[in-house]
PDB file of all heavy atoms in Angstrom:
ATOM      1  N   ALA A   1     -18.386  21.075 -14.571  1.00  0.00           N
ATOM      2  CA  ALA A   1     -17.090  20.852 -15.078  1.00  0.00           C
ATOM      3  C   ALA A   1     -17.127  20.946 -16.650  1.00  0.00           C
ATOM      4  O   ALA A   1     -16.232  21.540 -17.264  1.00  0.00           O
ATOM      5  CB  ALA A   1     -16.542  19.443 -14.728  1.00  0.00           C
ATOM      6  N   ALA A   2     -18.140  20.402 -17.289  1.00  0.00           N
ATOM      7  CA  ALA A   2     -18.219  20.390 -18.748  1.00  0.00           C
ATOM      8  C   ALA A   2     -18.310  21.814 -19.274  1.00  0.00           C
ATOM      9  O   ALA A   2     -17.663  22.176 -20.300  1.00  0.00           O
ATOM     10  CB  ALA A   2     -19.390  19.542 -19.208  1.00  0.00           C
ATOM     11  N   MET A   3     -19.147  22.660 -18.649  1.00  0.00           N
ATOM     12  CA  MET A   3     -19.249  24.005 -19.114  1.00  0.00           C
ATOM     13  C   MET A   3     -18.029  24.811 -18.872  1.00  0.00           C
ATOM     14  O   MET A   3     -17.584  25.644 -19.676  1.00  0.00           O
ATOM     15  CB  MET A   3     -20.528  24.754 -18.458  1.00  0.00           C
ATOM     16  CG  MET A   3     -21.824  24.227 -18.921  1.00  0.00           C
ATOM     17  SD  MET A   3     -22.093  24.310 -20.715  1.00  0.00           S
ATOM     18  CE  MET A   3     -21.868  26.080 -21.063  1.00  0.00           C
ATOM     19  N   ALA A   4     -17.386  24.659 -17.652  1.00  0.00           N
ATOM     20  CA  ALA A   4     -16.228  25.355 -17.254  1.00  0.00           C
ATOM     21  C   ALA A   4     -15.090  25.050 -18.299  1.00  0.00           C
ATOM     22  O   ALA A   4     -14.408  25.896 -18.838  1.00  0.00           O
ATOM     23  CB  ALA A   4     -15.803  25.066 -15.869  1.00  0.00           C
ATOM     24  N   THR A   5     -14.881  23.707 -18.508  1.00  0.00           N
ATOM     25  CA  THR A   5     -13.816  23.215 -19.385  1.00  0.00           C
ATOM     26  C   THR A   5     -14.122  23.761 -20.834  1.00  0.00           C
ATOM     27  O   THR A   5     -13.172  24.261 -21.487  1.00  0.00           O
ATOM     28  CB  THR A   5     -13.788  21.690 -19.437  1.00  0.00           C
ATOM     29  OG1 THR A   5     -13.638  21.269 -18.087  1.00  0.00           O
ATOM     30  CG2 THR A   5     -12.670  21.207 -20.284  1.00  0.00           C
ATOM     31  N   GLY A   6     -15.304  23.699 -21.291  1.00  0.00           N
ATOM     32  CA  GLY A   6     -15.677  24.181 -22.663  1.00  0.00           C
ATOM     33  C   GLY A   6     -15.363  25.655 -22.828  1.00  0.00           C
ATOM     34  O   GLY A   6     -14.759  26.084 -23.839  1.00  0.00           O
ATOM     35  N   LEU A   7     -15.854  26.524 -21.849  1.00  0.00           N
ATOM     36  CA  LEU A   7     -15.616  27.910 -21.946  1.00  0.00           C
ATOM     37  C   LEU A   7     -14.162  28.249 -21.925  1.00  0.00           C
ATOM     38  O   LEU A   7     -13.610  29.161 -22.628  1.00  0.00           O
ATOM     39  CB  LEU A   7     -16.447  28.699 -20.928  1.00  0.00           C
ATOM     40  CG  LEU A   7     -17.959  28.702 -21.066  1.00  0.00           C
ATOM     41  CD1 LEU A   7     -18.663  29.327 -19.893  1.00  0.00           C
ATOM     42  CD2 LEU A   7     -18.350  29.457 -22.395  1.00  0.00           C
ATOM     43  N   ARG A   8     -13.359  27.557 -21.066  1.00  0.00           N
ATOM     44  CA  ARG A   8     -11.955  27.763 -21.053  1.00  0.00           C
ATOM     45  C   ARG A   8     -11.315  27.467 -22.373  1.00  0.00           C
ATOM     46  O   ARG A   8     -10.446  28.192 -22.805  1.00  0.00           O
ATOM     47  CB  ARG A   8     -11.254  26.892 -19.974  1.00  0.00           C
ATOM     48  CG  ARG A   8     -11.545  27.353 -18.540  1.00  0.00           C
ATOM     49  CD  ARG A   8     -10.796  26.503 -17.438  1.00  0.00           C
ATOM     50  NE  ARG A   8     -11.388  26.688 -16.180  1.00  0.00           N
ATOM     51  CZ  ARG A   8     -11.898  25.693 -15.498  1.00  0.00           C
ATOM     52  NH1 ARG A   8     -11.898  24.463 -15.947  1.00  0.00           N
ATOM     53  NH2 ARG A   8     -12.413  25.912 -14.294  1.00  0.00           N
ATOM     54  N   SER A   9     -11.774  26.367 -23.006  1.00  0.00           N
ATOM     55  CA  SER A   9     -11.153  26.076 -24.343  1.00  0.00           C
ATOM     56  C   SER A   9     -11.357  27.130 -25.397  1.00  0.00           C
ATOM     57  O   SER A   9     -10.735  27.145 -26.388  1.00  0.00           O
ATOM     58  CB  SER A   9     -11.564  24.641 -24.790  1.00  0.00           C
ATOM     59  OG  SER A   9     -12.935  24.660 -25.144  1.00  0.00           O
ATOM     60  N   LEU A  10     -12.470  27.956 -25.183  1.00  0.00           N
ATOM     61  CA  LEU A  10     -12.720  29.064 -26.084  1.00  0.00           C
ATOM     62  C   LEU A  10     -12.096  30.353 -25.606  1.00  0.00           C
ATOM     63  O   LEU A  10     -12.258  31.398 -26.201  1.00  0.00           O
ATOM     64  CB  LEU A  10     -14.212  29.303 -26.254  1.00  0.00           C
ATOM     65  CG  LEU A  10     -15.053  28.076 -26.792  1.00  0.00           C
ATOM     66  CD1 LEU A  10     -16.521  28.421 -26.924  1.00  0.00           C
ATOM     67  CD2 LEU A  10     -14.509  27.510 -28.008  1.00  0.00           C
ATOM     68  N   GLY A  11     -11.267  30.244 -24.497  1.00  0.00           N
ATOM     69  CA  GLY A  11     -10.416  31.383 -24.117  1.00  0.00           C
ATOM     70  C   GLY A  11     -10.883  32.133 -22.890  1.00  0.00           C
ATOM     71  O   GLY A  11     -10.339  33.204 -22.607  1.00  0.00           O
ATOM     72  N   LEU A  12     -11.906  31.690 -22.191  1.00  0.00           N
ATOM     73  CA  LEU A  12     -12.427  32.445 -21.040  1.00  0.00           C
ATOM     74  C   LEU A  12     -11.881  31.855 -19.729  1.00  0.00           C
ATOM     75  O   LEU A  12     -11.483  30.708 -19.689  1.00  0.00           O
ATOM     76  CB  LEU A  12     -13.966  32.328 -21.041  1.00  0.00           C
ATOM     77  CG  LEU A  12     -14.817  32.969 -22.196  1.00  0.00           C
ATOM     78  CD1 LEU A  12     -16.289  33.014 -21.821  1.00  0.00           C
ATOM     79  CD2 LEU A  12     -14.255  34.336 -22.524  1.00  0.00           C
ATOM     80  N   ARG A  13     -12.035  32.753 -18.724  1.00  0.00           N
ATOM     81  CA  ARG A  13     -11.584  32.318 -17.382  1.00  0.00           C
ATOM     82  C   ARG A  13     -12.925  31.882 -16.575  1.00  0.00           C
ATOM     83  O   ARG A  13     -13.826  32.625 -16.527  1.00  0.00           O
ATOM     84  CB  ARG A  13     -10.859  33.413 -16.670  1.00  0.00           C
ATOM     85  CG  ARG A  13     -10.426  33.052 -15.283  1.00  0.00           C
ATOM     86  CD  ARG A  13      -9.677  34.220 -14.616  1.00  0.00           C
ATOM     87  NE  ARG A  13      -9.872  34.149 -13.171  1.00  0.00           N
ATOM     88  CZ  ARG A  13      -9.908  35.227 -12.384  1.00  0.00           C
ATOM     89  NH1 ARG A  13      -9.616  36.430 -12.947  1.00  0.00           N
ATOM     90  NH2 ARG A  13     -10.153  35.112 -11.106  1.00  0.00           N
ATOM     91  N   VAL A  14     -12.851  30.654 -16.049  1.00  0.00           N
ATOM     92  CA  VAL A  14     -13.940  30.152 -15.238  1.00  0.00           C
ATOM     93  C   VAL A  14     -13.389  29.569 -13.956  1.00  0.00           C
ATOM     94  O   VAL A  14     -12.582  28.672 -14.064  1.00  0.00           O
ATOM     95  CB  VAL A  14     -14.844  29.136 -15.937  1.00  0.00           C
ATOM     96  CG1 VAL A  14     -15.971  28.682 -15.080  1.00  0.00           C
ATOM     97  CG2 VAL A  14     -15.332  29.647 -17.287  1.00  0.00           C
ATOM     98  N   ASP A  15     -13.764  30.101 -12.804  1.00  0.00           N
ATOM     99  CA  ASP A  15     -13.272  29.556 -11.530  1.00  0.00           C
ATOM    100  C   ASP A  15     -14.328  28.615 -10.981  1.00  0.00           C
ATOM    101  O   ASP A  15     -15.470  29.088 -10.616  1.00  0.00           O
ATOM    102  CB  ASP A  15     -13.055  30.712 -10.537  1.00  0.00           C
ATOM    103  CG  ASP A  15     -12.019  31.770 -11.125  1.00  0.00           C
ATOM    104  OD1 ASP A  15     -11.164  31.370 -11.850  1.00  0.00           O
ATOM    105  OD2 ASP A  15     -12.215  32.945 -10.835  1.00  0.00           O
ATOM    106  N   GLU A  16     -14.025  27.382 -10.933  1.00  0.00           N
ATOM    107  CA  GLU A  16     -15.025  26.387 -10.378  1.00  0.00           C
ATOM    108  C   GLU A  16     -14.917  26.335  -8.864  1.00  0.00           C
ATOM    109  O   GLU A  16     -13.869  26.396  -8.299  1.00  0.00           O
ATOM    110  CB  GLU A  16     -14.624  24.967 -10.919  1.00  0.00           C
ATOM    111  CG  GLU A  16     -15.425  24.573 -12.079  1.00  0.00           C
ATOM    112  CD  GLU A  16     -15.103  23.157 -12.502  1.00  0.00           C
ATOM    113  OE1 GLU A  16     -14.201  22.900 -13.240  1.00  0.00           O
ATOM    114  OE2 GLU A  16     -15.840  22.216 -12.091  1.00  0.00           O
ATOM    115  N   THR A  17     -16.127  26.028  -8.256  1.00  0.00           N
ATOM    116  CA  THR A  17     -16.179  25.691  -6.837  1.00  0.00           C
ATOM    117  C   THR A  17     -16.937  24.372  -6.744  1.00  0.00           C
ATOM    118  O   THR A  17     -17.547  23.894  -7.733  1.00  0.00           O
ATOM    119  CB  THR A  17     -16.937  26.787  -6.070  1.00  0.00           C
ATOM    120  OG1 THR A  17     -18.312  26.846  -6.604  1.00  0.00           O
ATOM    121  CG2 THR A  17     -16.274  28.157  -6.173  1.00  0.00           C
ATOM    122  N   PRO A  18     -16.943  23.742  -5.570  1.00  0.00           N
ATOM    123  CA  PRO A  18     -17.721  22.434  -5.483  1.00  0.00           C
ATOM    124  C   PRO A  18     -19.205  22.605  -5.861  1.00  0.00           C
ATOM    125  O   PRO A  18     -19.774  21.663  -6.479  1.00  0.00           O
ATOM    126  CB  PRO A  18     -17.577  22.097  -4.000  1.00  0.00           C
ATOM    127  CG  PRO A  18     -16.312  22.735  -3.558  1.00  0.00           C
ATOM    128  CD  PRO A  18     -16.223  24.008  -4.349  1.00  0.00           C
ATOM    129  N   ASP A  19     -19.813  23.783  -5.590  1.00  0.00           N
ATOM    130  CA  ASP A  19     -21.236  23.931  -5.909  1.00  0.00           C
ATOM    131  C   ASP A  19     -21.564  25.005  -6.888  1.00  0.00           C
ATOM    132  O   ASP A  19     -22.715  25.598  -6.903  1.00  0.00           O
ATOM    133  CB  ASP A  19     -22.044  24.113  -4.643  1.00  0.00           C
ATOM    134  CG  ASP A  19     -21.814  25.528  -3.955  1.00  0.00           C
ATOM    135  OD1 ASP A  19     -20.788  26.123  -4.319  1.00  0.00           O
ATOM    136  OD2 ASP A  19     -22.709  25.954  -3.178  1.00  0.00           O
ATOM    137  N   GLY A  20     -20.594  25.452  -7.713  1.00  0.00           N
ATOM    138  CA  GLY A  20     -20.860  26.540  -8.663  1.00  0.00           C
ATOM    139  C   GLY A  20     -19.640  26.958  -9.429  1.00  0.00           C
ATOM    140  O   GLY A  20     -18.692  26.182  -9.621  1.00  0.00           O
ATOM    141  N   ALA A  21     -19.672  28.222  -9.786  1.00  0.00           N
ATOM    142  CA  ALA A  21     -18.519  28.738 -10.589  1.00  0.00           C
ATOM    143  C   ALA A  21     -18.673  30.244 -10.667  1.00  0.00           C
ATOM    144  O   ALA A  21     -19.789  30.847 -10.508  1.00  0.00           O
ATOM    145  CB  ALA A  21     -18.528  28.132 -12.023  1.00  0.00           C
ATOM    146  N   THR A  22     -17.513  30.951 -10.930  1.00  0.00           N
ATOM    147  CA  THR A  22     -17.567  32.319 -11.382  1.00  0.00           C
ATOM    148  C   THR A  22     -17.140  32.396 -12.854  1.00  0.00           C
ATOM    149  O   THR A  22     -16.077  31.898 -13.193  1.00  0.00           O
ATOM    150  CB  THR A  22     -16.627  33.207 -10.473  1.00  0.00           C
ATOM    151  OG1 THR A  22     -17.081  33.116  -9.154  1.00  0.00           O
ATOM    152  CG2 THR A  22     -16.660  34.640 -10.933  1.00  0.00           C
ATOM    153  N   ILE A  23     -17.978  32.968 -13.694  1.00  0.00           N
ATOM    154  CA  ILE A  23     -17.657  33.035 -15.127  1.00  0.00           C
ATOM    155  C   ILE A  23     -17.214  34.503 -15.387  1.00  0.00           C
ATOM    156  O   ILE A  23     -17.933  35.493 -15.145  1.00  0.00           O
ATOM    157  CB  ILE A  23     -18.962  32.730 -15.940  1.00  0.00           C
ATOM    158  CG1 ILE A  23     -19.420  31.286 -15.623  1.00  0.00           C
ATOM    159  CG2 ILE A  23     -18.635  32.815 -17.510  1.00  0.00           C
ATOM    160  CD1 ILE A  23     -20.695  31.332 -14.788  1.00  0.00           C
ATOM    161  N   HIS A  24     -16.007  34.614 -15.977  1.00  0.00           N
ATOM    162  CA  HIS A  24     -15.425  35.925 -16.288  1.00  0.00           C
ATOM    163  C   HIS A  24     -15.583  36.135 -17.825  1.00  0.00           C
ATOM    164  O   HIS A  24     -14.970  35.336 -18.613  1.00  0.00           O
ATOM    165  CB  HIS A  24     -13.943  36.022 -15.928  1.00  0.00           C
ATOM    166  CG  HIS A  24     -13.687  35.840 -14.463  1.00  0.00           C
ATOM    167  ND1 HIS A  24     -13.746  36.855 -13.614  1.00  0.00           N
ATOM    168  CD2 HIS A  24     -13.474  34.729 -13.728  1.00  0.00           C
ATOM    169  CE1 HIS A  24     -13.460  36.415 -12.337  1.00  0.00           C
ATOM    170  NE2 HIS A  24     -13.377  35.130 -12.382  1.00  0.00           N
ATOM    171  N   PRO A  25     -16.415  37.033 -18.230  1.00  0.00           N
ATOM    172  CA  PRO A  25     -16.695  37.126 -19.708  1.00  0.00           C
ATOM    173  C   PRO A  25     -15.468  37.661 -20.407  1.00  0.00           C
ATOM    174  O   PRO A  25     -14.540  38.155 -19.863  1.00  0.00           O
ATOM    175  CB  PRO A  25     -17.860  38.126 -19.804  1.00  0.00           C
ATOM    176  CG  PRO A  25     -17.782  38.910 -18.499  1.00  0.00           C
ATOM    177  CD  PRO A  25     -17.225  38.007 -17.478  1.00  0.00           C
ATOM    178  N   GLY A  26     -15.524  37.476 -21.727  1.00  0.00           N
ATOM    179  CA  GLY A  26     -14.403  37.983 -22.584  1.00  0.00           C
ATOM    180  C   GLY A  26     -14.720  37.580 -24.035  1.00  0.00           C
ATOM    181  O   GLY A  26     -15.739  36.932 -24.309  1.00  0.00           O
ATOM    182  N   ALA A  27     -13.774  37.903 -24.949  1.00  0.00           N
ATOM    183  CA  ALA A  27     -13.851  37.472 -26.307  1.00  0.00           C
ATOM    184  C   ALA A  27     -13.663  35.983 -26.407  1.00  0.00           C
ATOM    185  O   ALA A  27     -12.729  35.448 -25.838  1.00  0.00           O
ATOM    186  CB  ALA A  27     -12.859  38.202 -27.165  1.00  0.00           C
ATOM    187  N   MET A  28     -14.530  35.282 -27.147  1.00  0.00           N
ATOM    188  CA  MET A  28     -14.431  33.843 -27.320  1.00  0.00           C
ATOM    189  C   MET A  28     -13.821  33.556 -28.655  1.00  0.00           C
ATOM    190  O   MET A  28     -14.195  34.144 -29.670  1.00  0.00           O
ATOM    191  CB  MET A  28     -15.796  33.157 -27.216  1.00  0.00           C
ATOM    192  CG  MET A  28     -16.284  33.097 -25.794  1.00  0.00           C
ATOM    193  SD  MET A  28     -17.866  32.146 -25.662  1.00  0.00           S
ATOM    194  CE  MET A  28     -19.017  33.335 -26.269  1.00  0.00           C
ATOM    195  N   GLY A  29     -12.827  32.622 -28.682  1.00  0.00           N
ATOM    196  CA  GLY A  29     -12.293  32.180 -29.966  1.00  0.00           C
ATOM    197  C   GLY A  29     -12.889  30.890 -30.391  1.00  0.00           C
ATOM    198  O   GLY A  29     -13.910  30.405 -29.837  1.00  0.00           O
ATOM    199  N   GLY A  30     -12.323  30.233 -31.465  1.00  0.00           N
ATOM    200  CA  GLY A  30     -12.797  28.933 -31.862  1.00  0.00           C
ATOM    201  C   GLY A  30     -12.190  27.876 -31.007  1.00  0.00           C
ATOM    202  O   GLY A  30     -11.394  28.143 -30.102  1.00  0.00           O
ATOM    203  N   GLY A  31     -12.607  26.642 -31.212  1.00  0.00           N
ATOM    204  CA  GLY A  31     -12.033  25.501 -30.433  1.00  0.00           C
ATOM    205  C   GLY A  31     -12.916  24.281 -30.700  1.00  0.00           C
ATOM    206  O   GLY A  31     -13.867  24.268 -31.424  1.00  0.00           O
ATOM    207  N   CYS A  32     -12.495  23.262 -29.934  1.00  0.00           N
ATOM    208  CA  CYS A  32     -13.222  22.008 -29.970  1.00  0.00           C
ATOM    209  C   CYS A  32     -13.840  21.679 -28.615  1.00  0.00           C
ATOM    210  O   CYS A  32     -13.156  21.813 -27.609  1.00  0.00           O
ATOM    211  CB  CYS A  32     -12.204  20.841 -30.349  1.00  0.00           C
ATOM    212  SG  CYS A  32     -13.126  19.324 -30.662  1.00  0.00           S
ATOM    213  N   ILE A  33     -15.130  21.337 -28.604  1.00  0.00           N
ATOM    214  CA  ILE A  33     -15.847  21.142 -27.347  1.00  0.00           C
ATOM    215  C   ILE A  33     -16.238  19.711 -27.243  1.00  0.00           C
ATOM    216  O   ILE A  33     -16.835  19.117 -28.162  1.00  0.00           O
ATOM    217  CB  ILE A  33     -17.147  22.022 -27.388  1.00  0.00           C
ATOM    218  CG1 ILE A  33     -16.820  23.516 -27.453  1.00  0.00           C
ATOM    219  CG2 ILE A  33     -18.005  21.776 -26.032  1.00  0.00           C
ATOM    220  CD1 ILE A  33     -16.046  24.078 -26.369  1.00  0.00           C
ATOM    221  N   GLN A  34     -16.005  19.171 -26.076  1.00  0.00           N
ATOM    222  CA  GLN A  34     -16.461  17.740 -25.746  1.00  0.00           C
ATOM    223  C   GLN A  34     -17.839  17.921 -25.042  1.00  0.00           C
ATOM    224  O   GLN A  34     -17.837  18.475 -23.947  1.00  0.00           O
ATOM    225  CB  GLN A  34     -15.465  17.052 -24.890  1.00  0.00           C
ATOM    226  CG  GLN A  34     -14.066  16.841 -25.507  1.00  0.00           C
ATOM    227  CD  GLN A  34     -14.128  16.106 -26.776  1.00  0.00           C
ATOM    228  OE1 GLN A  34     -15.036  15.195 -26.952  1.00  0.00           O
ATOM    229  NE2 GLN A  34     -13.254  16.361 -27.718  1.00  0.00           N
ATOM    230  N   SER A  35     -18.869  17.461 -25.624  1.00  0.00           N
ATOM    231  CA  SER A  35     -20.170  17.506 -24.996  1.00  0.00           C
ATOM    232  C   SER A  35     -20.402  16.416 -23.959  1.00  0.00           C
ATOM    233  O   SER A  35     -21.448  16.441 -23.244  1.00  0.00           O
ATOM    234  CB  SER A  35     -21.346  17.634 -25.962  1.00  0.00           C
ATOM    235  OG  SER A  35     -21.502  16.266 -26.501  1.00  0.00           O
ATOM    236  N   HIS A  36     -19.607  15.429 -23.996  1.00  0.00           N
ATOM    237  CA  HIS A  36     -19.772  14.235 -23.097  1.00  0.00           C
ATOM    238  C   HIS A  36     -21.065  13.538 -23.344  1.00  0.00           C
ATOM    239  O   HIS A  36     -21.681  12.941 -22.368  1.00  0.00           O
ATOM    240  CB  HIS A  36     -19.494  14.628 -21.652  1.00  0.00           C
ATOM    241  CG  HIS A  36     -18.272  15.315 -21.350  1.00  0.00           C
ATOM    242  ND1 HIS A  36     -17.042  14.625 -21.269  1.00  0.00           N
ATOM    243  CD2 HIS A  36     -17.919  16.650 -21.244  1.00  0.00           C
ATOM    244  CE1 HIS A  36     -16.074  15.511 -21.091  1.00  0.00           C
ATOM    245  NE2 HIS A  36     -16.532  16.706 -21.058  1.00  0.00           N
ATOM    246  N   GLY A  37     -21.572  13.628 -24.518  1.00  0.00           N
ATOM    247  CA  GLY A  37     -22.914  13.017 -24.787  1.00  0.00           C
ATOM    248  C   GLY A  37     -24.088  13.688 -24.110  1.00  0.00           C
ATOM    249  O   GLY A  37     -25.180  13.055 -24.032  1.00  0.00           O
ATOM    250  N   ASP A  38     -23.862  14.902 -23.594  1.00  0.00           N
ATOM    251  CA  ASP A  38     -24.935  15.635 -22.841  1.00  0.00           C
ATOM    252  C   ASP A  38     -25.635  16.591 -23.797  1.00  0.00           C
ATOM    253  O   ASP A  38     -24.989  17.525 -24.263  1.00  0.00           O
ATOM    254  CB  ASP A  38     -24.290  16.290 -21.643  1.00  0.00           C
ATOM    255  CG  ASP A  38     -25.326  16.991 -20.727  1.00  0.00           C
ATOM    256  OD1 ASP A  38     -26.365  17.451 -21.255  1.00  0.00           O
ATOM    257  OD2 ASP A  38     -25.046  17.002 -19.493  1.00  0.00           O
ATOM    258  N   HIS A  39     -26.909  16.382 -23.989  1.00  0.00           N
ATOM    259  CA  HIS A  39     -27.652  17.203 -25.057  1.00  0.00           C
ATOM    260  C   HIS A  39     -27.558  18.724 -24.700  1.00  0.00           C
ATOM    261  O   HIS A  39     -27.461  19.577 -25.620  1.00  0.00           O
ATOM    262  CB  HIS A  39     -29.103  16.721 -25.199  1.00  0.00           C
ATOM    263  CG  HIS A  39     -29.795  16.587 -23.855  1.00  0.00           C
ATOM    264  ND1 HIS A  39     -31.064  17.080 -23.585  1.00  0.00           N
ATOM    265  CD2 HIS A  39     -29.477  15.963 -22.684  1.00  0.00           C
ATOM    266  CE1 HIS A  39     -31.413  16.727 -22.380  1.00  0.00           C
ATOM    267  NE2 HIS A  39     -30.508  16.160 -21.800  1.00  0.00           N
ATOM    268  N   ARG A  40     -27.660  19.048 -23.415  1.00  0.00           N
ATOM    269  CA  ARG A  40     -27.777  20.529 -23.056  1.00  0.00           C
ATOM    270  C   ARG A  40     -26.397  21.119 -23.185  1.00  0.00           C
ATOM    271  O   ARG A  40     -26.266  22.324 -23.548  1.00  0.00           O
ATOM    272  CB  ARG A  40     -28.273  20.668 -21.690  1.00  0.00           C
ATOM    273  CG  ARG A  40     -29.758  20.068 -21.520  1.00  0.00           C
ATOM    274  CD  ARG A  40     -30.518  20.669 -20.378  1.00  0.00           C
ATOM    275  NE  ARG A  40     -31.640  19.809 -19.995  1.00  0.00           N
ATOM    276  CZ  ARG A  40     -32.777  19.781 -20.632  1.00  0.00           C
ATOM    277  NH1 ARG A  40     -32.982  20.572 -21.680  1.00  0.00           N
ATOM    278  NH2 ARG A  40     -33.760  18.992 -20.236  1.00  0.00           N
ATOM    279  N   ILE A  41     -25.299  20.403 -22.940  1.00  0.00           N
ATOM    280  CA  ILE A  41     -23.929  20.966 -23.223  1.00  0.00           C
ATOM    281  C   ILE A  41     -23.734  21.236 -24.682  1.00  0.00           C
ATOM    282  O   ILE A  41     -23.295  22.372 -25.097  1.00  0.00           O
ATOM    283  CB  ILE A  41     -22.827  19.993 -22.679  1.00  0.00           C
ATOM    284  CG1 ILE A  41     -23.030  19.738 -21.139  1.00  0.00           C
ATOM    285  CG2 ILE A  41     -21.472  20.547 -23.008  1.00  0.00           C
ATOM    286  CD1 ILE A  41     -22.706  20.883 -20.254  1.00  0.00           C
ATOM    287  N   ALA A  42     -24.180  20.311 -25.523  1.00  0.00           N
ATOM    288  CA  ALA A  42     -24.007  20.471 -27.016  1.00  0.00           C
ATOM    289  C   ALA A  42     -24.749  21.670 -27.464  1.00  0.00           C
ATOM    290  O   ALA A  42     -24.229  22.497 -28.173  1.00  0.00           O
ATOM    291  CB  ALA A  42     -24.482  19.204 -27.683  1.00  0.00           C
ATOM    292  N   MET A  43     -26.005  21.814 -27.052  1.00  0.00           N
ATOM    293  CA  MET A  43     -26.816  22.973 -27.565  1.00  0.00           C
ATOM    294  C   MET A  43     -26.213  24.307 -26.969  1.00  0.00           C
ATOM    295  O   MET A  43     -26.227  25.318 -27.681  1.00  0.00           O
ATOM    296  CB  MET A  43     -28.242  22.793 -27.152  1.00  0.00           C
ATOM    297  CG  MET A  43     -28.945  21.721 -27.986  1.00  0.00           C
ATOM    298  SD  MET A  43     -30.693  21.509 -27.646  1.00  0.00           S
ATOM    299  CE  MET A  43     -30.709  20.536 -26.155  1.00  0.00           C
TER     300      MET A  43
END
């Protein structure tokens, strides 16, 4: 959820499923990311 939400906030389409996701690439813009205190999301 954290990666899907973060990538969407930079302008990408991500379709989540219960056990995964489909990531549709594209140009990324700026934005604000919530890492939820998770070191790997932040990096």
